[in-house]
Amino acid sequence: MSDQATIATIKSQVLALIAAITENPKPSYAIDGQSVSWSDYLRQLQASVEWCDQQLARVEPFEIHSQGFSR
């Protein structure tokens, strides 16, 4: 599997996690000194998607369109 395919898979998996979390949101909580912040977790997942987008943009083929003119 290429790096591009791996990053696309990671992005897809993270987006599925985001969908699941936002479908049934849970409150943040703390138990026995351990805290869980769902909003922080969601922000981390969103940052992962942004990272994937940046990496994929680097390897995607692109075209440059230019137009010349004469006098």
PDB file of N, CA and C in Angstrom:
ATOM      1  N   MET A   1       0.860  -1.179   0.000  1.00  0.00           N
ATOM      2  CA  MET A   1       0.000   0.000   0.000  1.00  0.00           C
ATOM      3  C   MET A   1       0.901   1.236   0.000  1.00  0.00           C
ATOM      4  N   SER A   2       0.576   2.183  -0.860  1.00  0.00           N
ATOM      5  CA  SER A   2       1.372   3.401  -0.953  1.00  0.00           C
ATOM      6  C   SER A   2       1.088   4.327   0.228  1.00  0.00           C
ATOM      7  N   ASP A   3       1.990   5.277   0.423  1.00  0.00           N
ATOM      8  CA  ASP A   3       1.781   6.266   1.491  1.00  0.00           C
ATOM      9  C   ASP A   3       0.485   7.032   1.267  1.00  0.00           C
ATOM     10  N   GLN A   4       0.212   7.370   0.021  1.00  0.00           N
ATOM     11  CA  GLN A   4      -1.003   8.117  -0.299  1.00  0.00           C
ATOM     12  C   GLN A   4      -2.243   7.304   0.078  1.00  0.00           C
ATOM     13  N   ALA A   5      -2.241   6.018  -0.228  1.00  0.00           N
ATOM     14  CA  ALA A   5      -3.380   5.158   0.111  1.00  0.00           C
ATOM     15  C   ALA A   5      -3.508   4.999   1.622  1.00  0.00           C
ATOM     16  N   THR A   6      -2.374   4.911   2.306  1.00  0.00           N
ATOM     17  CA  THR A   6      -2.400   4.783   3.771  1.00  0.00           C
ATOM     18  C   THR A   6      -2.992   6.034   4.405  1.00  0.00           C
ATOM     19  N   ILE A   7      -2.566   7.200   3.940  1.00  0.00           N
ATOM     20  CA  ILE A   7      -3.092   8.460   4.490  1.00  0.00           C
ATOM     21  C   ILE A   7      -4.576   8.598   4.188  1.00  0.00           C
ATOM     22  N   ALA A   8      -4.996   8.200   2.991  1.00  0.00           N
ATOM     23  CA  ALA A   8      -6.417   8.252   2.638  1.00  0.00           C
ATOM     24  C   ALA A   8      -7.223   7.313   3.542  1.00  0.00           C
ATOM     25  N   THR A   9      -6.663   6.155   3.872  1.00  0.00           N
ATOM     26  CA  THR A   9      -7.335   5.211   4.775  1.00  0.00           C
ATOM     27  C   THR A   9      -7.450   5.798   6.172  1.00  0.00           C
ATOM     28  N   ILE A  10      -6.373   6.412   6.652  1.00  0.00           N
ATOM     29  CA  ILE A  10      -6.381   7.045   7.973  1.00  0.00           C
ATOM     30  C   ILE A  10      -7.462   8.125   8.011  1.00  0.00           C
ATOM     31  N   LYS A  11      -7.508   8.949   6.978  1.00  0.00           N
ATOM     32  CA  LYS A  11      -8.506  10.020   6.925  1.00  0.00           C
ATOM     33  C   LYS A  11      -9.912   9.444   6.978  1.00  0.00           C
ATOM     34  N   SER A  12     -10.152   8.409   6.226  1.00  0.00           N
ATOM     35  CA  SER A  12     -11.460   7.771   6.197  1.00  0.00           C
ATOM     36  C   SER A  12     -11.840   7.223   7.580  1.00  0.00           C
ATOM     37  N   GLN A  13     -10.882   6.597   8.249  1.00  0.00           N
ATOM     38  CA  GLN A  13     -11.136   6.045   9.583  1.00  0.00           C
ATOM     39  C   GLN A  13     -11.426   7.150  10.598  1.00  0.00           C
ATOM     40  N   VAL A  14     -10.674   8.229  10.527  1.00  0.00           N
ATOM     41  CA  VAL A  14     -10.868   9.344  11.457  1.00  0.00           C
ATOM     42  C   VAL A  14     -12.220  10.006  11.202  1.00  0.00           C
ATOM     43  N   LEU A  15     -12.587  10.163   9.933  1.00  0.00           N
ATOM     44  CA  LEU A  15     -13.893  10.740   9.624  1.00  0.00           C
ATOM     45  C   LEU A  15     -15.025   9.863  10.157  1.00  0.00           C
ATOM     46  N   ALA A  16     -14.848   8.550  10.113  1.00  0.00           N
ATOM     47  CA  ALA A  16     -15.856   7.639  10.673  1.00  0.00           C
ATOM     48  C   ALA A  16     -15.968   7.826  12.188  1.00  0.00           C
ATOM     49  N   LEU A  17     -14.823   8.015  12.863  1.00  0.00           N
ATOM     50  CA  LEU A  17     -14.843   8.283  14.308  1.00  0.00           C
ATOM     51  C   LEU A  17     -15.562   9.587  14.615  1.00  0.00           C
ATOM     52  N   ILE A  18     -15.285  10.622  13.823  1.00  0.00           N
ATOM     53  CA  ILE A  18     -15.940  11.917  14.024  1.00  0.00           C
ATOM     54  C   ILE A  18     -17.452  11.767  13.844  1.00  0.00           C
ATOM     55  N   ALA A  19     -17.853  11.026  12.832  1.00  0.00           N
ATOM     56  CA  ALA A  19     -19.283  10.821  12.597  1.00  0.00           C
ATOM     57  C   ALA A  19     -19.936  10.120  13.781  1.00  0.00           C
ATOM     58  N   ALA A  20     -19.275   9.110  14.321  1.00  0.00           N
ATOM     59  CA  ALA A  20     -19.824   8.370  15.461  1.00  0.00           C
ATOM     60  C   ALA A  20     -19.914   9.248  16.706  1.00  0.00           C
ATOM     61  N   ILE A  21     -18.890  10.048  16.943  1.00  0.00           N
ATOM     62  CA  ILE A  21     -18.867  10.907  18.138  1.00  0.00           C
ATOM     63  C   ILE A  21     -19.935  11.988  18.052  1.00  0.00           C
ATOM     64  N   THR A  22     -20.093  12.569  16.883  1.00  0.00           N
ATOM     65  CA  THR A  22     -21.057  13.666  16.755  1.00  0.00           C
ATOM     66  C   THR A  22     -22.491  13.166  16.631  1.00  0.00           C
ATOM     67  N   GLU A  23     -22.653  11.915  16.253  1.00  0.00           N
ATOM     68  CA  GLU A  23     -23.999  11.344  16.163  1.00  0.00           C
ATOM     69  C   GLU A  23     -24.603  11.155  17.557  1.00  0.00           C
ATOM     70  N   ASN A  24     -23.777  10.719  18.476  1.00  0.00           N
ATOM     71  CA  ASN A  24     -24.210  10.502  19.857  1.00  0.00           C
ATOM     72  C   ASN A  24     -23.222  11.188  20.802  1.00  0.00           C
ATOM     73  N   PRO A  25     -23.288  12.504  20.917  1.00  0.00           N
ATOM     74  CA  PRO A  25     -22.314  13.212  21.755  1.00  0.00           C
ATOM     75  C   PRO A  25     -22.423  12.793  23.223  1.00  0.00           C
ATOM     76  N   LYS A  26     -21.270  12.761  23.861  1.00  0.00           N
ATOM     77  CA  LYS A  26     -21.200  12.377  25.270  1.00  0.00           C
ATOM     78  C   LYS A  26     -20.603  13.531  26.068  1.00  0.00           C
ATOM     79  N   PRO A  27     -20.971  13.644  27.316  1.00  0.00           N
ATOM     80  CA  PRO A  27     -20.392  14.707  28.144  1.00  0.00           C
ATOM     81  C   PRO A  27     -18.970  14.353  28.573  1.00  0.00           C
ATOM     82  N   SER A  28     -18.179  15.371  28.835  1.00  0.00           N
ATOM     83  CA  SER A  28     -16.844  15.158  29.394  1.00  0.00           C
ATOM     84  C   SER A  28     -17.011  14.779  30.858  1.00  0.00           C
ATOM     85  N   TYR A  29     -16.052  14.011  31.388  1.00  0.00           N
ATOM     86  CA  TYR A  29     -16.170  13.565  32.771  1.00  0.00           C
ATOM     87  C   TYR A  29     -14.789  13.276  33.364  1.00  0.00           C
ATOM     88  N   ALA A  30     -14.768  13.121  34.674  1.00  0.00           N
ATOM     89  CA  ALA A  30     -13.541  12.755  35.395  1.00  0.00           C
ATOM     90  C   ALA A  30     -13.894  11.690  36.421  1.00  0.00           C
ATOM     91  N   ILE A  31     -13.100  10.616  36.428  1.00  0.00           N
ATOM     92  CA  ILE A  31     -13.284   9.522  37.379  1.00  0.00           C
ATOM     93  C   ILE A  31     -11.914   9.113  37.899  1.00  0.00           C
ATOM     94  N   ASP A  32     -11.796   9.044  39.212  1.00  0.00           N
ATOM     95  CA  ASP A  32     -10.545   8.593  39.853  1.00  0.00           C
ATOM     96  C   ASP A  32      -9.313   9.316  39.311  1.00  0.00           C
ATOM     97  N   GLY A  33      -9.420  10.620  39.143  1.00  0.00           N
ATOM     98  CA  GLY A  33      -8.284  11.418  38.695  1.00  0.00           C
ATOM     99  C   GLY A  33      -8.009  11.351  37.211  1.00  0.00           C
ATOM    100  N   GLN A  34      -8.804  10.590  36.481  1.00  0.00           N
ATOM    101  CA  GLN A  34      -8.625  10.500  35.034  1.00  0.00           C
ATOM    102  C   GLN A  34      -9.793  11.224  34.371  1.00  0.00           C
ATOM    103  N   SER A  35      -9.478  12.153  33.466  1.00  0.00           N
ATOM    104  CA  SER A  35     -10.545  12.915  32.821  1.00  0.00           C
ATOM    105  C   SER A  35     -10.632  12.573  31.340  1.00  0.00           C
ATOM    106  N   VAL A  36     -11.834  12.662  30.843  1.00  0.00           N
ATOM    107  CA  VAL A  36     -12.098  12.430  29.425  1.00  0.00           C
ATOM    108  C   VAL A  36     -12.834  13.651  28.900  1.00  0.00           C
ATOM    109  N   SER A  37     -12.228  14.321  27.948  1.00  0.00           N
ATOM    110  CA  SER A  37     -12.841  15.493  27.341  1.00  0.00           C
ATOM    111  C   SER A  37     -13.172  15.164  25.889  1.00  0.00           C
ATOM    112  N   TRP A  38     -14.432  14.957  25.612  1.00  0.00           N
ATOM    113  CA  TRP A  38     -14.842  14.593  24.263  1.00  0.00           C
ATOM    114  C   TRP A  38     -14.601  15.736  23.283  1.00  0.00           C
ATOM    115  N   SER A  39     -14.742  16.973  23.736  1.00  0.00           N
ATOM    116  CA  SER A  39     -14.503  18.107  22.830  1.00  0.00           C
ATOM    117  C   SER A  39     -13.022  18.176  22.441  1.00  0.00           C
ATOM    118  N   ASP A  40     -12.123  17.901  23.399  1.00  0.00           N
ATOM    119  CA  ASP A  40     -10.691  17.860  23.069  1.00  0.00           C
ATOM    120  C   ASP A  40     -10.388  16.726  22.096  1.00  0.00           C
ATOM    121  N   TYR A  41     -11.011  15.574  22.328  1.00  0.00           N
ATOM    122  CA  TYR A  41     -10.819  14.420  21.456  1.00  0.00           C
ATOM    123  C   TYR A  41     -11.298  14.747  20.043  1.00  0.00           C
ATOM    124  N   LEU A  42     -12.450  15.403  19.936  1.00  0.00           N
ATOM    125  CA  LEU A  42     -12.985  15.790  18.641  1.00  0.00           C
ATOM    126  C   LEU A  42     -12.030  16.755  17.935  1.00  0.00           C
ATOM    127  N   ARG A  43     -11.477  17.718  18.672  1.00  0.00           N
ATOM    128  CA  ARG A  43     -10.511  18.662  18.084  1.00  0.00           C
ATOM    129  C   ARG A  43      -9.263  17.926  17.585  1.00  0.00           C
ATOM    130  N   GLN A  44      -8.813  16.934  18.328  1.00  0.00           N
ATOM    131  CA  GLN A  44      -7.647  16.159  17.900  1.00  0.00           C
ATOM    132  C   GLN A  44      -7.951  15.396  16.611  1.00  0.00           C
ATOM    133  N   LEU A  45      -9.136  14.835  16.543  1.00  0.00           N
ATOM    134  CA  LEU A  45      -9.513  14.108  15.333  1.00  0.00           C
ATOM    135  C   LEU A  45      -9.618  15.056  14.137  1.00  0.00           C
ATOM    136  N   GLN A  46     -10.191  16.226  14.361  1.00  0.00           N
ATOM    137  CA  GLN A  46     -10.290  17.215  13.283  1.00  0.00           C
ATOM    138  C   GLN A  46      -8.905  17.650  12.814  1.00  0.00           C
ATOM    139  N   ALA A  47      -7.976  17.793  13.740  1.00  0.00           N
ATOM    140  CA  ALA A  47      -6.597  18.146  13.377  1.00  0.00           C
ATOM    141  C   ALA A  47      -5.959  17.019  12.564  1.00  0.00           C
ATOM    142  N   SER A  48      -6.289  15.782  12.880  1.00  0.00           N
ATOM    143  CA  SER A  48      -5.769  14.650  12.113  1.00  0.00           C
ATOM    144  C   SER A  48      -6.274  14.683  10.681  1.00  0.00           C
ATOM    145  N   VAL A  49      -7.544  15.029  10.504  1.00  0.00           N
ATOM    146  CA  VAL A  49      -8.103  15.134   9.150  1.00  0.00           C
ATOM    147  C   VAL A  49      -7.388  16.247   8.383  1.00  0.00           C
ATOM    148  N   GLU A  50      -7.150  17.378   9.035  1.00  0.00           N
ATOM    149  CA  GLU A  50      -6.437  18.481   8.382  1.00  0.00           C
ATOM    150  C   GLU A  50      -5.032  18.044   7.973  1.00  0.00           C
ATOM    151  N   TRP A  51      -4.347  17.299   8.837  1.00  0.00           N
ATOM    152  CA  TRP A  51      -3.007  16.800   8.531  1.00  0.00           C
ATOM    153  C   TRP A  51      -3.072  15.877   7.317  1.00  0.00           C
ATOM    154  N   CYS A  52      -4.053  14.987   7.299  1.00  0.00           N
ATOM    155  CA  CYS A  52      -4.206  14.083   6.158  1.00  0.00           C
ATOM    156  C   CYS A  52      -4.426  14.873   4.875  1.00  0.00           C
ATOM    157  N   ASP A  53      -5.286  15.888   4.940  1.00  0.00           N
ATOM    158  CA  ASP A  53      -5.541  16.721   3.762  1.00  0.00           C
ATOM    159  C   ASP A  53      -4.257  17.383   3.264  1.00  0.00           C
ATOM    160  N   GLN A  54      -3.447  17.889   4.181  1.00  0.00           N
ATOM    161  CA  GLN A  54      -2.185  18.532   3.805  1.00  0.00           C
ATOM    162  C   GLN A  54      -1.241  17.536   3.144  1.00  0.00           C
ATOM    163  N   GLN A  55      -1.142  16.341   3.698  1.00  0.00           N
ATOM    164  CA  GLN A  55      -0.254  15.326   3.139  1.00  0.00           C
ATOM    165  C   GLN A  55      -0.734  14.883   1.768  1.00  0.00           C
ATOM    166  N   LEU A  56      -2.039  14.695   1.624  1.00  0.00           N
ATOM    167  CA  LEU A  56      -2.577  14.274   0.335  1.00  0.00           C
ATOM    168  C   LEU A  56      -2.406  15.363  -0.722  1.00  0.00           C
ATOM    169  N   ALA A  57      -2.527  16.613  -0.323  1.00  0.00           N
ATOM    170  CA  ALA A  57      -2.353  17.720  -1.267  1.00  0.00           C
ATOM    171  C   ALA A  57      -0.927  17.762  -1.813  1.00  0.00           C
ATOM    172  N   ARG A  58       0.018  17.299  -1.028  1.00  0.00           N
ATOM    173  CA  ARG A  58       1.422  17.310  -1.471  1.00  0.00           C
ATOM    174  C   ARG A  58       1.693  16.294  -2.562  1.00  0.00           C
ATOM    175  N   VAL A  59       0.958  15.205  -2.557  1.00  0.00           N
ATOM    176  CA  VAL A  59       1.265  14.127  -3.503  1.00  0.00           C
ATOM    177  C   VAL A  59       0.274  14.036  -4.657  1.00  0.00           C
ATOM    178  N   GLU A  60      -0.819  14.777  -4.588  1.00  0.00           N
ATOM    179  CA  GLU A  60      -1.790  14.739  -5.671  1.00  0.00           C
ATOM    180  C   GLU A  60      -1.214  15.448  -6.895  1.00  0.00           C
ATOM    181  N   PRO A  61      -1.483  14.887  -8.060  1.00  0.00           N
ATOM    182  CA  PRO A  61      -1.031  15.578  -9.274  1.00  0.00           C
ATOM    183  C   PRO A  61      -1.785  16.899  -9.439  1.00  0.00           C
ATOM    184  N   PHE A  62      -1.144  17.840 -10.057  1.00  0.00           N
ATOM    185  CA  PHE A  62      -1.784  19.128 -10.252  1.00  0.00           C
ATOM    186  C   PHE A  62      -1.440  19.666 -11.628  1.00  0.00           C
ATOM    187  N   GLU A  63      -2.236  20.584 -12.083  1.00  0.00           N
ATOM    188  CA  GLU A  63      -1.998  21.238 -13.362  1.00  0.00           C
ATOM    189  C   GLU A  63      -1.875  22.725 -13.135  1.00  0.00           C
ATOM    190  N   ILE A  64      -1.044  23.338 -13.952  1.00  0.00           N
ATOM    191  CA  ILE A  64      -0.934  24.790 -13.920  1.00  0.00           C
ATOM    192  C   ILE A  64      -1.471  25.305 -15.253  1.00  0.00           C
ATOM    193  N   HIS A  65      -2.475  26.132 -15.189  1.00  0.00           N
ATOM    194  CA  HIS A  65      -3.041  26.716 -16.398  1.00  0.00           C
ATOM    195  C   HIS A  65      -2.525  28.141 -16.520  1.00  0.00           C
ATOM    196  N   SER A  66      -1.990  28.434 -17.683  1.00  0.00           N
ATOM    197  CA  SER A  66      -1.517  29.808 -17.906  1.00  0.00           C
ATOM    198  C   SER A  66      -1.981  30.243 -19.293  1.00  0.00           C
ATOM    199  N   GLN A  67      -1.955  31.511 -19.487  1.00  0.00           N
ATOM    200  CA  GLN A  67      -2.409  32.044 -20.760  1.00  0.00           C
ATOM    201  C   GLN A  67      -1.454  33.141 -21.173  1.00  0.00           C
ATOM    202  N   GLY A  68      -0.992  33.024 -22.382  1.00  0.00           N
ATOM    203  CA  GLY A  68      -0.102  34.030 -22.919  1.00  0.00           C
ATOM    204  C   GLY A  68      -0.880  35.030 -23.752  1.00  0.00           C
ATOM    205  N   PHE A  69      -0.260  36.125 -24.037  1.00  0.00           N
ATOM    206  CA  PHE A  69      -0.902  37.134 -24.892  1.00  0.00           C
ATOM    207  C   PHE A  69       0.170  37.746 -25.792  1.00  0.00           C
ATOM    208  N   SER A  70      -0.290  38.220 -26.909  1.00  0.00           N
ATOM    209  CA  SER A  70       0.651  38.867 -27.826  1.00  0.00           C
ATOM    210  C   SER A  70       0.219  40.308 -28.045  1.00  0.00           C
ATOM    211  N   ARG A  71       1.164  41.099 -28.402  1.00  0.00           N
ATOM    212  CA  ARG A  71       0.896  42.531 -28.625  1.00  0.00           C
ATOM    213  C   ARG A  71       0.768  42.821 -30.071  1.00  0.00           C
TER     214      ARG A  71
END
